[in-house]
Every structure is written in C-alpha cells, then in structure tokens.
Amino acid sequence: MVRSVHHFVDGKAFQGSSGRTGDVYNPATGEVQAKVDFASTDEVRTAIHAAQAALPGWAATPPVQRARVMFRFKELIETHMDELAGILTSEHGKVFSDAKGEVLRGLEVVEFACGAPHLLKGDFTENVGRAIDSFSTRQPVGVVAAITPFNFPAMVPLWMFPMAIICGNTVILKPSEKDPSASVRLAELLIEAGAPAGVLNVVHGDKEAVDTLLTDPGVNAISFVGSTPVGEYIYATGCANGKRVQALCGAKNHMLVMPDADMDKASDALMGAGYGAAGERCMAVSVAVAVGDAGDRLIEKLEPKVRALKVAPGNDPDAEMGPLITREHRDKVKGYVDLGVEEGADLVVDGRGLRLQGYEDGFFLGGCLFDNVQPDMRIYKEEIFGPVLSVVRSPDFGHALSLVNGHEYGNGAAIFTGDGDAARSFAANCNIGMVGVNVPIPVPMAFHSFGGWKRSAFGDHGMYGMDGIRFYTKLKTVTSRWPTGMTSGAEFTFPIMR
C-alpha cells in the first residue's frame, strides 16, 4: 500500500487539505511508496502561528532546561539510529552504512547544542563610565524557517533546528518533498524528548510553501541548503522581506593529486569522495586535478576501481553505491555524460548501461570516469551531482591552484601530497571555504563551522558551531546607571563616559 506523509504542526500530525501531493519513490525499484502532502499558503501559516505561539515560552525557558531536552533528544537519536538510517535508505537510496554515517554527523551537532548554554553567555563590564555598567546578551531571532535538500534528509535538518532551538527560537522545517519522512520522525522524537508543541513544526511542499516562508512577516530568519540558483532566489527574496538569511549552495569540489602523492591512497579517496552517495553530496569531489606526471598513474589506479564499483540497492550489505534519487535526476546526470562525450572528453568508464536484474526500473547509474577534461567544458564548469568524476591534467601546482581559484564555486577542495610546502601553500592561497590536506571531504566537526565561499554560499554566517550561535541569536547591549550615580541637569553633548 502507498502510505501518506503528513505535516507535523503544534506537536502532532497535521493532514493537509490542499488536495496537492507529491510522489515519494523507492529509488531502488522505481515504485511510488508514499504520497506527501503539499502545503497551501494557509497551511504554512498555520505552522507559522504555532511557532509564534510557542516562541515566548520557549525563549523564556532557561538555556540549561533547553539543553536537557537536547540531551534526551540525543539519546533518542542514538536509540533509533538504525530506524532513521533505514528511512534514509528507503527514500533517498544511499547505502545503509552511509545513511548511518549521515545520522551520526547530524548527531554531532545535537551534541554540540547540548553545551550551548556556555556559549550563550553575554559579557559584562563594570564602570564603563563613573557608576555606569554595560552588559551584552544573546537573544533569539524568533521564528526560523529551515529549508533542506534531498541529499541529506537527516543530517542537514540536524545541522539547523537543534542550533536554532537551543538558542530559544522556534522552527518550521521544510524538507525536500522527495524524501520527507526522516524530518517527521525527528520532530516526533524531539517532542518525546520534552520539547513543547510548536517548537519544531514540519511542513511539506513546493514553491508555494517556500515562498510563504520567505515572505510571511511571522518568519524572522531563513536557513537553506540546496542549489545555487535556488539559494540566490531564497537569499534575495528573504532579505528583501527583512529576514536574516543564510544560504549554502552548489559546489564543484577539486582534489589536487600531486606527483608525490601515494596513488593507491589518492585513488581510494577519490572513489569514496566521488562515488559515495552516488555523488549526490555538496562536498563530493567531482574534479581530480592530476598535477605534473600524476595523470597516467592516477587513471591506471582509478579505472579498475570504478569498473568494480558495487552498485546495488542501499539495503544490500555489500553495496558501495545505491541509486539516484529520482528517474528525472538520473536522466539529467546521464545527459551530462552524453555532453562530456560530445565535448571531447575521454570517457574511460561508462556507467550509462548499468542494469540490475530484478531492479530494472530503479534509478541506477554506474560510476562514470572522464579523463582529459578541459576547463571550458560544461561538465567541468557545472555541478553534475551524480557519480561522474572528471580528471583534469595540469602541468604544475600554480596552474592547478588557478583552476581551483578560477571556478565560480568555492565550497570544498583538497590536496593529496607528502610535500608540506605544497600543502601549506594550497591551504593558505585557495579561495575555498573548507580545505582538506590528504582529507578528501573536509566537512568540519560540529564545534567548527560549515560554509563555502564565492557562489557556494550567500550570507555572513556558516552553519552550526559558533557561527550557528551567532546566526540564530541577536546581540543586545545594555548600558545601565542607578539613581545614586546620576547627575543633575540636562546634558546636550553626545554621551561621554567619564
């Protein structure tokens, strides 16, 4: 039977009445497994009103009590780890081990949020002037909308709403309509952990739901992760409507392979970083820059590994890569492979013909490997978001660095080398937000912050860590004096502390 996925508003399931729904597929079989409600403008506003109603009480709750809810939420995620990972594998298609890794990386942010009361402390200065004290506090921004992508249906929401909620805000989560169930389950667990109704609400839908969140005056801040075109729209529209916005967007992550690199380790790193989650990661390495004479040796190592890549349904314990999220996205990625051939790149491994017995209708695509890709090709310039790795030949380090810095995206980049000078120069001089040295996917830990540069991010704050605290709070500074310290008579000069 096809199940229904409803909204979650004011602490309980909320069935939509708009009459519009979306299909949720099992990517391994191609079958529709669920219908998800698409919210109307009025239904989104119902969620906004629930969040507004819960805000005063939650904002007034002492941070240590909010942290206790987070501690219980952390325990519940650990208890339900396999259940959550199974939901991800079922709706997204990623292999089960990868799905568990996603939940764990989200859990790290929940763990960080448990300690946030220490980070929410203000500052105090006694006697900034005679008998005048000054202190600062961090207060919630209000109602936060979290708009999250299909590729990490648990991790990215967990990057957002625990940070917003521990800071005293209430949240409306709009997950991808392609794999919505994990967000609902997380909201149920947060209620079980003791969060009041209305603190976290989940609405599903399309552009109508998003536009309502972007324009309604009841929403104070927007967190977004997704593609650059959509992120630009969300940033511009949200800011135009007076909201604080952070938008983390597209990527074309490069990995430099220097001539001295260990080719076995570099090729292994590229396999995981390029083909893990079928390449549907904003931190996936999609370009390997072979420097100097590294190219032939790198291809020699990569080709048999890509051909041997174990592609299977995500619940197969031997699977290394599962299907793509939808048939439309699979066909789009295949179109990029077609384009690369037309543009003159060398298709070393062609995964377009992959067919799995018993899963002929699944959204599978084998690993694809291009060599001799040129910087003017679209397969180099555009984000493919699939299991397609492009190898670019570069004569020297300086040219390779210029490729990284010349690209419009600046999310992540890595260098594989044993040369400390090259590694240090790369880390210091690349215009990239997250850099790895012999680490192919340099996603920072929760006590740092995630964020790209250039057209990979819009807004002044990264996600989680101290940047998360800063984004989800407003700084207030109070200057106080009591009657015994006050002077008589009006003062018409600009206030001078003395």
Protein backbone atom coordinates (compact mmCIF):
# COMPACT_ATOMS: atom_id res chain seq x y z
CA MET A 1 0.00 0.00 0.00
CA VAL A 2 1.08 3.58 -0.66
CA ARG A 3 1.37 5.36 2.68
CA SER A 4 0.73 9.05 3.38
CA VAL A 5 3.23 11.54 4.78
CA HIS A 6 1.54 14.43 6.56
CA HIS A 7 2.78 17.69 8.04
CA PHE A 8 3.75 17.90 11.72
CA VAL A 9 2.38 21.04 13.37
CA ASP A 10 1.95 22.03 17.01
CA GLY A 11 3.23 18.70 18.28
CA LYS A 12 1.11 16.35 16.17
CA ALA A 13 0.43 15.10 12.66
CA PHE A 14 -1.44 17.62 10.55
CA GLN A 15 -3.13 16.34 7.41
CA GLY A 16 -3.12 18.77 4.52
CA SER A 17 -6.33 19.70 2.76
CA SER A 18 -4.90 21.47 -0.29
CA GLY A 19 -5.56 18.43 -2.46
CA ARG A 20 -1.99 18.55 -3.78
CA THR A 21 0.52 15.79 -3.09
CA GLY A 22 3.89 14.62 -4.34
CA ASP A 23 5.25 11.15 -5.06
CA VAL A 24 7.90 9.66 -2.79
CA TYR A 25 9.74 6.86 -4.63
CA ASN A 26 11.72 3.85 -3.63
CA PRO A 27 14.74 4.70 -5.81
CA ALA A 28 15.88 1.08 -5.97
CA THR A 29 12.64 -0.18 -7.50
CA GLY A 30 11.23 2.94 -9.11
CA GLU A 31 7.92 2.39 -7.32
CA VAL A 32 5.91 5.08 -5.54
CA GLN A 33 5.99 4.20 -1.84
CA ALA A 34 4.24 7.25 -0.39
CA LYS A 35 2.28 10.38 -1.12
CA VAL A 36 3.41 13.52 0.70
CA ASP A 37 1.07 16.43 1.37
CA PHE A 38 1.89 19.74 -0.33
CA ALA A 39 1.01 22.64 1.94
CA SER A 40 -1.07 25.56 0.80
CA THR A 41 -0.20 29.09 1.89
CA ASP A 42 -2.84 28.93 4.63
CA GLU A 43 -1.46 25.62 5.92
CA VAL A 44 2.07 27.05 6.09
CA ARG A 45 0.66 29.99 8.02
CA THR A 46 -0.93 27.56 10.46
CA ALA A 47 2.57 26.26 11.18
CA ILE A 48 3.92 29.80 11.47
CA HIS A 49 1.21 30.65 14.00
CA ALA A 50 2.04 27.53 16.00
CA ALA A 51 5.71 28.52 16.07
CA GLN A 52 4.83 32.09 17.06
CA ALA A 53 2.59 30.86 19.88
CA ALA A 54 5.32 28.60 21.27
CA LEU A 55 8.08 31.23 20.96
CA PRO A 56 7.58 33.36 24.12
CA GLY A 57 7.52 30.40 26.47
CA TRP A 58 10.44 28.61 24.83
CA ALA A 59 12.57 31.77 24.63
CA ALA A 60 11.94 32.33 28.35
CA THR A 61 12.93 28.75 29.21
CA PRO A 62 16.36 28.76 30.89
CA PRO A 63 19.07 27.55 28.50
CA VAL A 64 20.03 24.73 30.86
CA GLN A 65 16.49 23.36 30.65
CA ARG A 66 16.55 23.64 26.86
CA ALA A 67 19.84 21.72 26.96
CA ARG A 68 18.22 18.92 28.96
CA VAL A 69 15.73 18.46 26.15
CA MET A 70 18.66 18.24 23.73
CA PHE A 71 20.38 15.62 25.90
CA ARG A 72 17.23 13.47 25.81
CA PHE A 73 16.89 14.08 22.05
CA LYS A 74 20.48 12.92 21.59
CA GLU A 75 19.74 9.69 23.46
CA LEU A 76 16.62 9.06 21.36
CA ILE A 77 18.54 9.52 18.11
CA GLU A 78 21.11 7.00 19.31
CA THR A 79 18.34 4.56 20.25
CA HIS A 80 16.61 4.98 16.88
CA MET A 81 19.78 5.15 14.77
CA ASP A 82 19.02 2.10 12.64
CA GLU A 83 15.40 3.15 12.16
CA LEU A 84 16.43 6.61 10.93
CA ALA A 85 19.11 5.17 8.65
CA GLY A 86 16.56 2.74 7.22
CA ILE A 87 14.24 5.63 6.38
CA LEU A 88 17.08 7.37 4.54
CA THR A 89 18.00 4.26 2.56
CA SER A 90 14.36 3.66 1.64
CA GLU A 91 13.62 7.17 0.38
CA HIS A 92 16.98 8.53 -0.75
CA GLY A 93 18.62 5.29 -1.88
CA LYS A 94 22.03 5.70 -0.22
CA VAL A 95 23.59 2.57 1.21
CA PHE A 96 22.74 1.76 4.83
CA SER A 97 26.26 2.32 6.19
CA ASP A 98 26.35 5.75 4.55
CA ALA A 99 22.90 6.54 5.95
CA LYS A 100 24.11 5.72 9.48
CA GLY A 101 27.13 7.94 8.89
CA GLU A 102 24.80 10.77 7.89
CA VAL A 103 22.77 10.45 11.09
CA LEU A 104 25.98 10.38 13.14
CA ARG A 105 27.26 13.60 11.56
CA GLY A 106 23.92 15.22 12.38
CA LEU A 107 24.09 13.84 15.92
CA GLU A 108 27.41 15.64 16.41
CA VAL A 109 25.58 18.97 16.09
CA VAL A 110 22.99 17.85 18.64
CA GLU A 111 25.89 17.01 20.98
CA PHE A 112 27.34 20.47 20.40
CA ALA A 113 23.95 22.05 21.09
CA CYS A 114 23.85 20.28 24.47
CA GLY A 115 26.72 22.53 25.57
CA ALA A 116 25.33 25.74 24.09
CA PRO A 117 24.32 27.35 27.43
CA HIS A 118 28.01 28.11 27.93
CA LEU A 119 28.15 29.78 24.50
CA LEU A 120 25.02 31.86 25.09
CA LYS A 121 26.66 33.77 27.92
CA GLY A 122 26.95 37.51 27.49
CA ASP A 123 29.71 39.90 28.55
CA PHE A 124 29.77 42.37 31.46
CA THR A 125 31.95 45.40 32.04
CA GLU A 126 31.76 47.26 35.34
CA ASN A 127 32.27 51.03 35.31
CA VAL A 128 32.48 51.77 31.61
CA GLY A 129 31.84 55.23 32.99
CA ARG A 130 31.52 56.51 36.54
CA ALA A 131 28.82 54.29 38.17
CA ILE A 132 27.79 53.05 34.70
CA ASP A 133 27.87 49.36 33.79
CA SER A 134 27.47 47.70 30.40
CA PHE A 135 26.49 44.16 29.55
CA SER A 136 25.52 42.19 26.43
CA THR A 137 23.10 39.31 25.97
CA ARG A 138 22.25 36.96 23.13
CA GLN A 139 18.53 36.67 22.47
CA PRO A 140 16.60 34.50 19.97
CA VAL A 141 15.91 35.86 16.49
CA GLY A 142 12.36 34.46 16.62
CA VAL A 143 10.72 32.02 14.21
CA VAL A 144 13.23 30.29 11.93
CA ALA A 145 12.43 28.52 8.66
CA ALA A 146 14.80 25.68 7.73
CA ILE A 147 14.67 24.65 4.06
CA THR A 148 16.66 21.48 3.45
CA PRO A 149 17.76 19.39 0.42
CA PHE A 150 17.07 15.82 -0.65
CA ASN A 151 20.64 14.55 -0.43
CA PHE A 152 20.92 14.69 3.38
CA PRO A 153 17.36 14.35 4.70
CA ALA A 154 18.52 13.85 8.31
CA MET A 155 21.94 15.48 8.60
CA VAL A 156 21.15 18.92 7.22
CA PRO A 157 17.96 19.36 9.28
CA LEU A 158 20.05 18.32 12.31
CA TRP A 159 22.59 20.98 11.37
CA MET A 160 19.85 23.59 11.61
CA PHE A 161 16.98 23.05 14.01
CA PRO A 162 18.92 21.88 17.13
CA MET A 163 21.07 25.01 16.94
CA ALA A 164 18.07 27.28 16.39
CA ILE A 165 16.05 25.64 19.15
CA ILE A 166 18.82 25.60 21.80
CA CYS A 167 19.16 29.35 21.20
CA GLY A 168 15.49 29.82 22.17
CA ASN A 169 13.93 30.03 18.71
CA THR A 170 11.07 28.02 17.27
CA VAL A 171 11.38 26.36 13.87
CA ILE A 172 9.41 25.47 10.76
CA LEU A 173 11.28 22.77 8.84
CA LYS A 174 10.52 22.43 5.10
CA PRO A 175 12.35 19.26 3.99
CA SER A 176 12.69 18.07 0.44
CA GLU A 177 9.45 16.61 -0.83
CA LYS A 178 11.48 13.78 -2.40
CA ASP A 179 12.41 12.16 0.96
CA PRO A 180 10.34 13.80 3.71
CA SER A 181 9.83 11.08 6.30
CA ALA A 182 13.07 11.47 8.27
CA SER A 183 12.18 15.05 9.21
CA VAL A 184 8.80 14.00 10.57
CA ARG A 185 10.37 11.22 12.62
CA LEU A 186 12.96 13.61 14.06
CA ALA A 187 10.18 16.03 15.04
CA GLU A 188 8.33 13.21 16.80
CA LEU A 189 11.49 12.30 18.71
CA LEU A 190 12.03 15.91 19.77
CA ILE A 191 8.53 16.03 21.23
CA GLU A 192 9.24 12.73 23.00
CA ALA A 193 12.40 14.35 24.40
CA GLY A 194 10.28 17.02 26.06
CA ALA A 195 10.16 19.93 23.63
CA PRO A 196 6.86 21.81 23.86
CA ALA A 197 4.40 21.61 20.99
CA GLY A 198 5.09 24.20 18.33
CA VAL A 199 8.82 24.43 18.97
CA LEU A 200 9.52 22.31 15.85
CA ASN A 201 7.00 22.09 13.03
CA VAL A 202 7.38 20.31 9.69
CA VAL A 203 5.60 21.38 6.51
CA HIS A 204 5.99 19.71 3.14
CA GLY A 205 5.54 21.17 -0.27
CA ASP A 206 6.91 23.01 -3.24
CA LYS A 207 7.49 26.63 -4.24
CA GLU A 208 4.18 27.77 -2.73
CA ALA A 209 5.29 26.63 0.72
CA VAL A 210 8.78 28.10 0.29
CA ASP A 211 7.52 31.46 -0.94
CA THR A 212 5.17 31.72 2.02
CA LEU A 213 8.07 31.17 4.41
CA LEU A 214 10.17 33.74 2.54
CA THR A 215 7.55 36.48 2.57
CA ASP A 216 5.38 35.99 5.66
CA PRO A 217 6.25 38.58 8.35
CA GLY A 218 5.88 35.90 11.02
CA VAL A 219 9.18 34.31 9.94
CA ASN A 220 12.32 36.08 11.15
CA ALA A 221 15.19 34.04 9.70
CA ILE A 222 15.84 31.51 6.93
CA SER A 223 18.41 28.70 6.79
CA PHE A 224 18.82 27.00 3.42
CA VAL A 225 20.95 24.31 1.80
CA GLY A 226 20.49 23.49 -1.88
CA SER A 227 21.45 24.52 -5.39
CA THR A 228 22.95 27.91 -6.21
CA PRO A 229 20.08 29.18 -8.43
CA VAL A 230 17.52 28.40 -5.73
CA GLY A 231 19.82 29.69 -3.00
CA GLU A 232 20.25 33.02 -4.77
CA TYR A 233 16.47 33.34 -5.04
CA ILE A 234 15.96 32.48 -1.38
CA TYR A 235 18.67 34.88 -0.24
CA ALA A 236 17.39 37.77 -2.35
CA THR A 237 13.72 37.21 -1.53
CA GLY A 238 14.25 36.60 2.16
CA CYS A 239 16.48 39.66 2.58
CA ALA A 240 14.04 41.80 0.59
CA ASN A 241 11.40 40.80 3.12
CA GLY A 242 13.54 41.83 6.08
CA LYS A 243 14.73 38.39 7.16
CA ARG A 244 18.14 37.18 8.23
CA VAL A 245 19.21 34.57 5.64
CA GLN A 246 21.99 32.02 5.29
CA ALA A 247 22.07 30.01 2.05
CA LEU A 248 24.61 27.25 1.45
CA CYS A 249 24.61 26.28 -2.19
CA GLY A 250 26.29 24.46 -5.08
CA ALA A 251 29.81 23.16 -5.48
CA LYS A 252 32.41 21.81 -7.85
CA ASN A 253 34.96 20.43 -5.46
CA HIS A 254 38.51 19.84 -6.73
CA MET A 255 41.11 17.45 -5.38
CA LEU A 256 44.70 18.11 -6.43
CA VAL A 257 46.79 14.96 -6.77
CA MET A 258 50.44 15.95 -6.67
CA PRO A 259 53.16 13.85 -8.36
CA ASP A 260 54.49 12.68 -4.99
CA ALA A 261 51.09 11.51 -3.73
CA ASP A 262 50.52 7.86 -2.81
CA MET A 263 48.35 6.88 -5.81
CA ASP A 264 46.72 3.95 -4.04
CA LYS A 265 45.54 6.19 -1.20
CA ALA A 266 44.63 9.06 -3.52
CA SER A 267 42.57 6.81 -5.79
CA ASP A 268 40.82 5.21 -2.80
CA ALA A 269 40.00 8.67 -1.50
CA LEU A 270 38.57 9.68 -4.88
CA MET A 271 36.41 6.57 -5.01
CA GLY A 272 34.71 7.35 -1.72
CA ALA A 273 34.54 11.10 -2.28
CA GLY A 274 33.41 10.89 -5.89
CA TYR A 275 31.01 7.95 -5.86
CA GLY A 276 29.76 7.77 -2.27
CA ALA A 277 26.02 8.51 -2.10
CA ALA A 278 26.06 8.30 -5.93
CA GLY A 279 27.84 11.66 -5.99
CA GLU A 280 24.79 13.39 -4.51
CA ARG A 281 26.78 15.39 -1.97
CA CYS A 282 27.60 19.08 -1.93
CA MET A 283 31.06 18.06 -0.68
CA ALA A 284 31.60 15.31 -3.26
CA VAL A 285 34.86 15.52 -5.19
CA SER A 286 33.81 15.81 -8.82
CA VAL A 287 37.15 17.05 -10.27
CA ALA A 288 40.52 15.39 -9.77
CA VAL A 289 43.36 17.66 -10.88
CA ALA A 290 46.35 15.47 -11.80
CA VAL A 291 49.46 17.63 -11.45
CA GLY A 292 52.60 17.04 -13.47
CA ASP A 293 53.10 13.40 -14.36
CA ALA A 294 50.44 12.14 -11.93
CA GLY A 295 47.73 11.78 -14.60
CA ASP A 296 48.55 8.42 -16.20
CA ARG A 297 49.32 6.80 -12.86
CA LEU A 298 46.09 8.11 -11.34
CA ILE A 299 43.92 6.86 -14.23
CA GLU A 300 45.67 3.49 -14.10
CA LYS A 301 44.62 3.16 -10.45
CA LEU A 302 41.12 4.61 -10.84
CA GLU A 303 39.83 2.77 -13.90
CA PRO A 304 39.66 -0.78 -12.45
CA LYS A 305 38.25 0.52 -9.17
CA VAL A 306 35.43 2.40 -10.92
CA ARG A 307 34.65 -0.65 -13.07
CA ALA A 308 34.50 -2.83 -9.95
CA LEU A 309 32.24 -0.43 -8.04
CA LYS A 310 29.48 -2.45 -6.38
CA VAL A 311 26.20 -0.76 -7.33
CA ALA A 312 23.12 -2.24 -5.65
CA PRO A 313 20.04 -1.30 -3.62
CA GLY A 314 21.04 0.56 -0.49
CA ASN A 315 19.87 -2.22 1.83
CA ASP A 316 22.29 -4.69 0.22
CA PRO A 317 25.08 -5.08 2.81
CA ASP A 318 27.66 -5.39 0.04
CA ALA A 319 26.55 -2.25 -1.79
CA GLU A 320 29.06 0.57 -2.22
CA MET A 321 26.74 2.85 -4.18
CA GLY A 322 22.96 2.93 -4.48
CA PRO A 323 20.57 4.52 -6.97
CA LEU A 324 20.00 8.20 -7.62
CA ILE A 325 17.06 9.96 -6.01
CA THR A 326 14.64 10.09 -8.99
CA ARG A 327 14.38 8.97 -12.59
CA GLU A 328 14.49 12.61 -13.71
CA HIS A 329 17.71 13.27 -11.85
CA ARG A 330 19.26 10.03 -13.13
CA ASP A 331 18.43 11.06 -16.69
CA LYS A 332 19.86 14.54 -16.09
CA VAL A 333 23.16 13.04 -14.94
CA LYS A 334 23.21 10.68 -17.95
CA GLY A 335 22.70 13.76 -20.10
CA TYR A 336 25.87 15.28 -18.67
CA VAL A 337 27.78 12.10 -19.55
CA ASP A 338 26.42 12.36 -23.12
CA LEU A 339 27.50 16.00 -23.17
CA GLY A 340 31.02 15.19 -21.97
CA VAL A 341 31.47 12.76 -24.84
CA GLU A 342 30.20 15.39 -27.28
CA GLU A 343 32.59 17.97 -25.82
CA GLY A 344 35.56 15.69 -26.49
CA ALA A 345 36.47 14.39 -23.05
CA ASP A 346 37.70 10.79 -22.87
CA LEU A 347 35.05 8.56 -21.25
CA VAL A 348 37.28 5.95 -19.60
CA VAL A 349 34.46 4.19 -17.73
CA ASP A 350 30.86 4.41 -18.97
CA GLY A 351 28.20 3.59 -16.39
CA ARG A 352 25.21 4.53 -18.51
CA GLY A 353 24.37 0.96 -19.50
CA LEU A 354 24.07 -0.43 -15.99
CA ARG A 355 21.05 -2.68 -15.44
CA LEU A 356 20.42 -4.64 -12.25
CA GLN A 357 18.43 -7.86 -12.50
CA GLY A 358 15.21 -7.50 -10.57
CA TYR A 359 15.68 -3.73 -10.29
CA GLU A 360 15.34 -2.75 -13.94
CA ASP A 361 13.02 0.16 -13.03
CA GLY A 362 15.32 1.52 -10.33
CA PHE A 363 17.16 4.80 -10.77
CA PHE A 364 20.61 3.30 -11.12
CA LEU A 365 23.63 4.65 -12.95
CA GLY A 366 27.07 3.12 -12.86
CA GLY A 367 30.19 5.05 -11.99
CA CYS A 368 31.49 7.22 -14.84
CA LEU A 369 35.08 8.39 -15.23
CA PHE A 370 36.29 11.09 -17.64
CA ASP A 371 39.90 11.90 -18.49
CA ASN A 372 41.38 14.93 -20.27
CA VAL A 373 38.51 17.18 -19.26
CA GLN A 374 39.12 20.81 -20.21
CA PRO A 375 38.15 23.87 -18.13
CA ASP A 376 35.95 25.26 -20.91
CA MET A 377 33.72 22.15 -20.93
CA ARG A 378 30.31 22.28 -19.28
CA ILE A 379 30.98 19.03 -17.45
CA TYR A 380 33.83 20.88 -15.73
CA LYS A 381 32.01 24.13 -15.08
CA GLU A 382 28.61 22.88 -13.92
CA GLU A 383 27.58 20.87 -10.88
CA ILE A 384 26.52 17.41 -12.07
CA PHE A 385 25.53 15.95 -8.67
CA GLY A 386 25.98 12.36 -9.72
CA PRO A 387 28.57 9.55 -9.92
CA VAL A 388 30.73 11.31 -12.53
CA LEU A 389 34.39 12.05 -11.82
CA SER A 390 36.37 14.28 -14.18
CA VAL A 391 40.16 14.16 -14.35
CA VAL A 392 41.84 17.38 -15.47
CA ARG A 393 45.55 17.36 -16.38
CA SER A 394 47.59 20.27 -15.04
CA PRO A 395 51.27 20.97 -15.81
CA ASP A 396 52.20 22.34 -12.37
CA PHE A 397 50.98 23.39 -8.94
CA GLY A 398 50.46 27.04 -9.88
CA HIS A 399 48.20 26.15 -12.80
CA ALA A 400 46.26 23.68 -10.65
CA LEU A 401 45.71 26.31 -7.95
CA SER A 402 44.49 28.77 -10.58
CA LEU A 403 41.85 26.22 -11.66
CA VAL A 404 40.54 25.98 -8.11
CA ASN A 405 40.52 29.74 -7.62
CA GLY A 406 39.08 30.49 -11.03
CA HIS A 407 35.98 28.36 -10.60
CA GLU A 408 32.74 30.09 -9.60
CA TYR A 409 32.18 27.68 -6.71
CA GLY A 410 34.23 27.64 -3.53
CA ASN A 411 32.73 25.02 -1.25
CA GLY A 412 35.48 22.48 -0.66
CA ALA A 413 38.87 21.50 -2.06
CA ALA A 414 41.62 19.06 -1.14
CA ILE A 415 45.25 18.32 -1.93
CA PHE A 416 46.94 14.92 -1.72
CA THR A 417 50.68 15.21 -1.22
CA GLY A 418 53.54 14.44 1.14
CA ASP A 419 55.07 17.87 0.48
CA GLY A 420 54.39 20.16 3.44
CA ASP A 421 55.27 23.30 1.48
CA ALA A 422 52.77 22.47 -1.27
CA ALA A 423 50.08 21.61 1.28
CA ARG A 424 50.64 24.79 3.27
CA SER A 425 50.67 26.95 0.16
CA PHE A 426 47.46 25.37 -1.08
CA ALA A 427 45.65 25.78 2.24
CA ALA A 428 46.75 29.41 2.52
CA ASN A 429 46.08 30.52 -1.05
CA CYS A 430 42.99 28.69 -2.29
CA ASN A 431 39.76 30.72 -2.24
CA ILE A 432 37.75 27.94 -0.70
CA GLY A 433 35.69 27.72 2.47
CA MET A 434 36.67 24.18 3.54
CA VAL A 435 40.08 22.70 2.71
CA GLY A 436 41.46 19.20 3.14
CA VAL A 437 45.10 18.14 3.26
CA ASN A 438 45.08 14.42 2.48
CA VAL A 439 41.42 14.54 3.57
CA PRO A 440 39.12 14.34 0.53
CA ILE A 441 35.86 15.52 2.16
CA PRO A 442 36.86 18.17 4.74
CA VAL A 443 33.48 18.64 6.44
CA PRO A 444 34.30 20.41 9.73
CA MET A 445 33.32 18.99 13.09
CA ALA A 446 30.34 20.50 14.88
CA PHE A 447 32.47 22.77 17.08
CA HIS A 448 33.87 24.48 13.98
CA SER A 449 31.56 25.65 11.19
CA PHE A 450 30.45 24.56 7.73
CA GLY A 451 30.42 27.09 4.90
CA GLY A 452 31.71 27.78 1.42
CA TRP A 453 32.96 30.85 -0.43
CA LYS A 454 32.12 32.54 -3.72
CA ARG A 455 28.85 31.28 -5.26
CA SER A 456 28.72 28.34 -2.88
CA ALA A 457 27.25 30.44 -0.07
CA PHE A 458 25.24 33.61 0.49
CA GLY A 459 25.11 35.33 3.86
CA ASP A 460 27.67 36.19 6.51
CA HIS A 461 27.43 33.12 8.73
CA GLY A 462 28.28 29.48 8.26
CA MET A 463 26.25 26.63 9.70
CA TYR A 464 26.48 25.18 13.22
CA GLY A 465 29.39 25.84 15.58
CA MET A 466 29.82 29.39 16.84
CA ASP A 467 28.56 30.71 13.51
CA GLY A 468 25.30 28.90 14.24
CA ILE A 469 25.06 30.56 17.65
CA ARG A 470 25.66 33.95 16.05
CA PHE A 471 23.14 33.40 13.25
CA TYR A 472 20.32 32.20 15.49
CA THR A 473 20.74 34.96 18.09
CA LYS A 474 20.67 38.75 18.16
CA LEU A 475 23.15 40.66 20.27
CA LYS A 476 21.71 43.19 22.72
CA THR A 477 23.90 45.57 24.74
CA VAL A 478 22.54 47.28 27.86
CA THR A 479 24.16 50.33 29.49
CA SER A 480 22.81 50.97 32.99
CA ARG A 481 23.14 53.56 35.75
CA TRP A 482 21.28 53.76 39.05
CA PRO A 483 19.96 56.96 40.68
CA THR A 484 22.87 57.38 43.09
CA GLY A 485 25.22 57.72 40.12
CA MET A 486 23.09 60.17 38.16
CA THR A 487 23.96 63.87 37.84
CA SER A 488 21.52 66.74 37.86
CA GLY A 489 20.74 68.89 34.87
CA ALA A 490 20.40 68.21 31.15
CA GLU A 491 23.48 67.28 29.13
CA PHE A 492 23.43 68.28 25.47
CA THR A 493 26.76 66.87 24.41
CA PHE A 494 26.96 63.40 22.92
CA PRO A 495 27.25 60.94 25.85
CA ILE A 496 30.85 60.64 27.01
CA MET A 497 31.79 58.02 29.55
CA ARG A 498 33.90 59.65 32.27
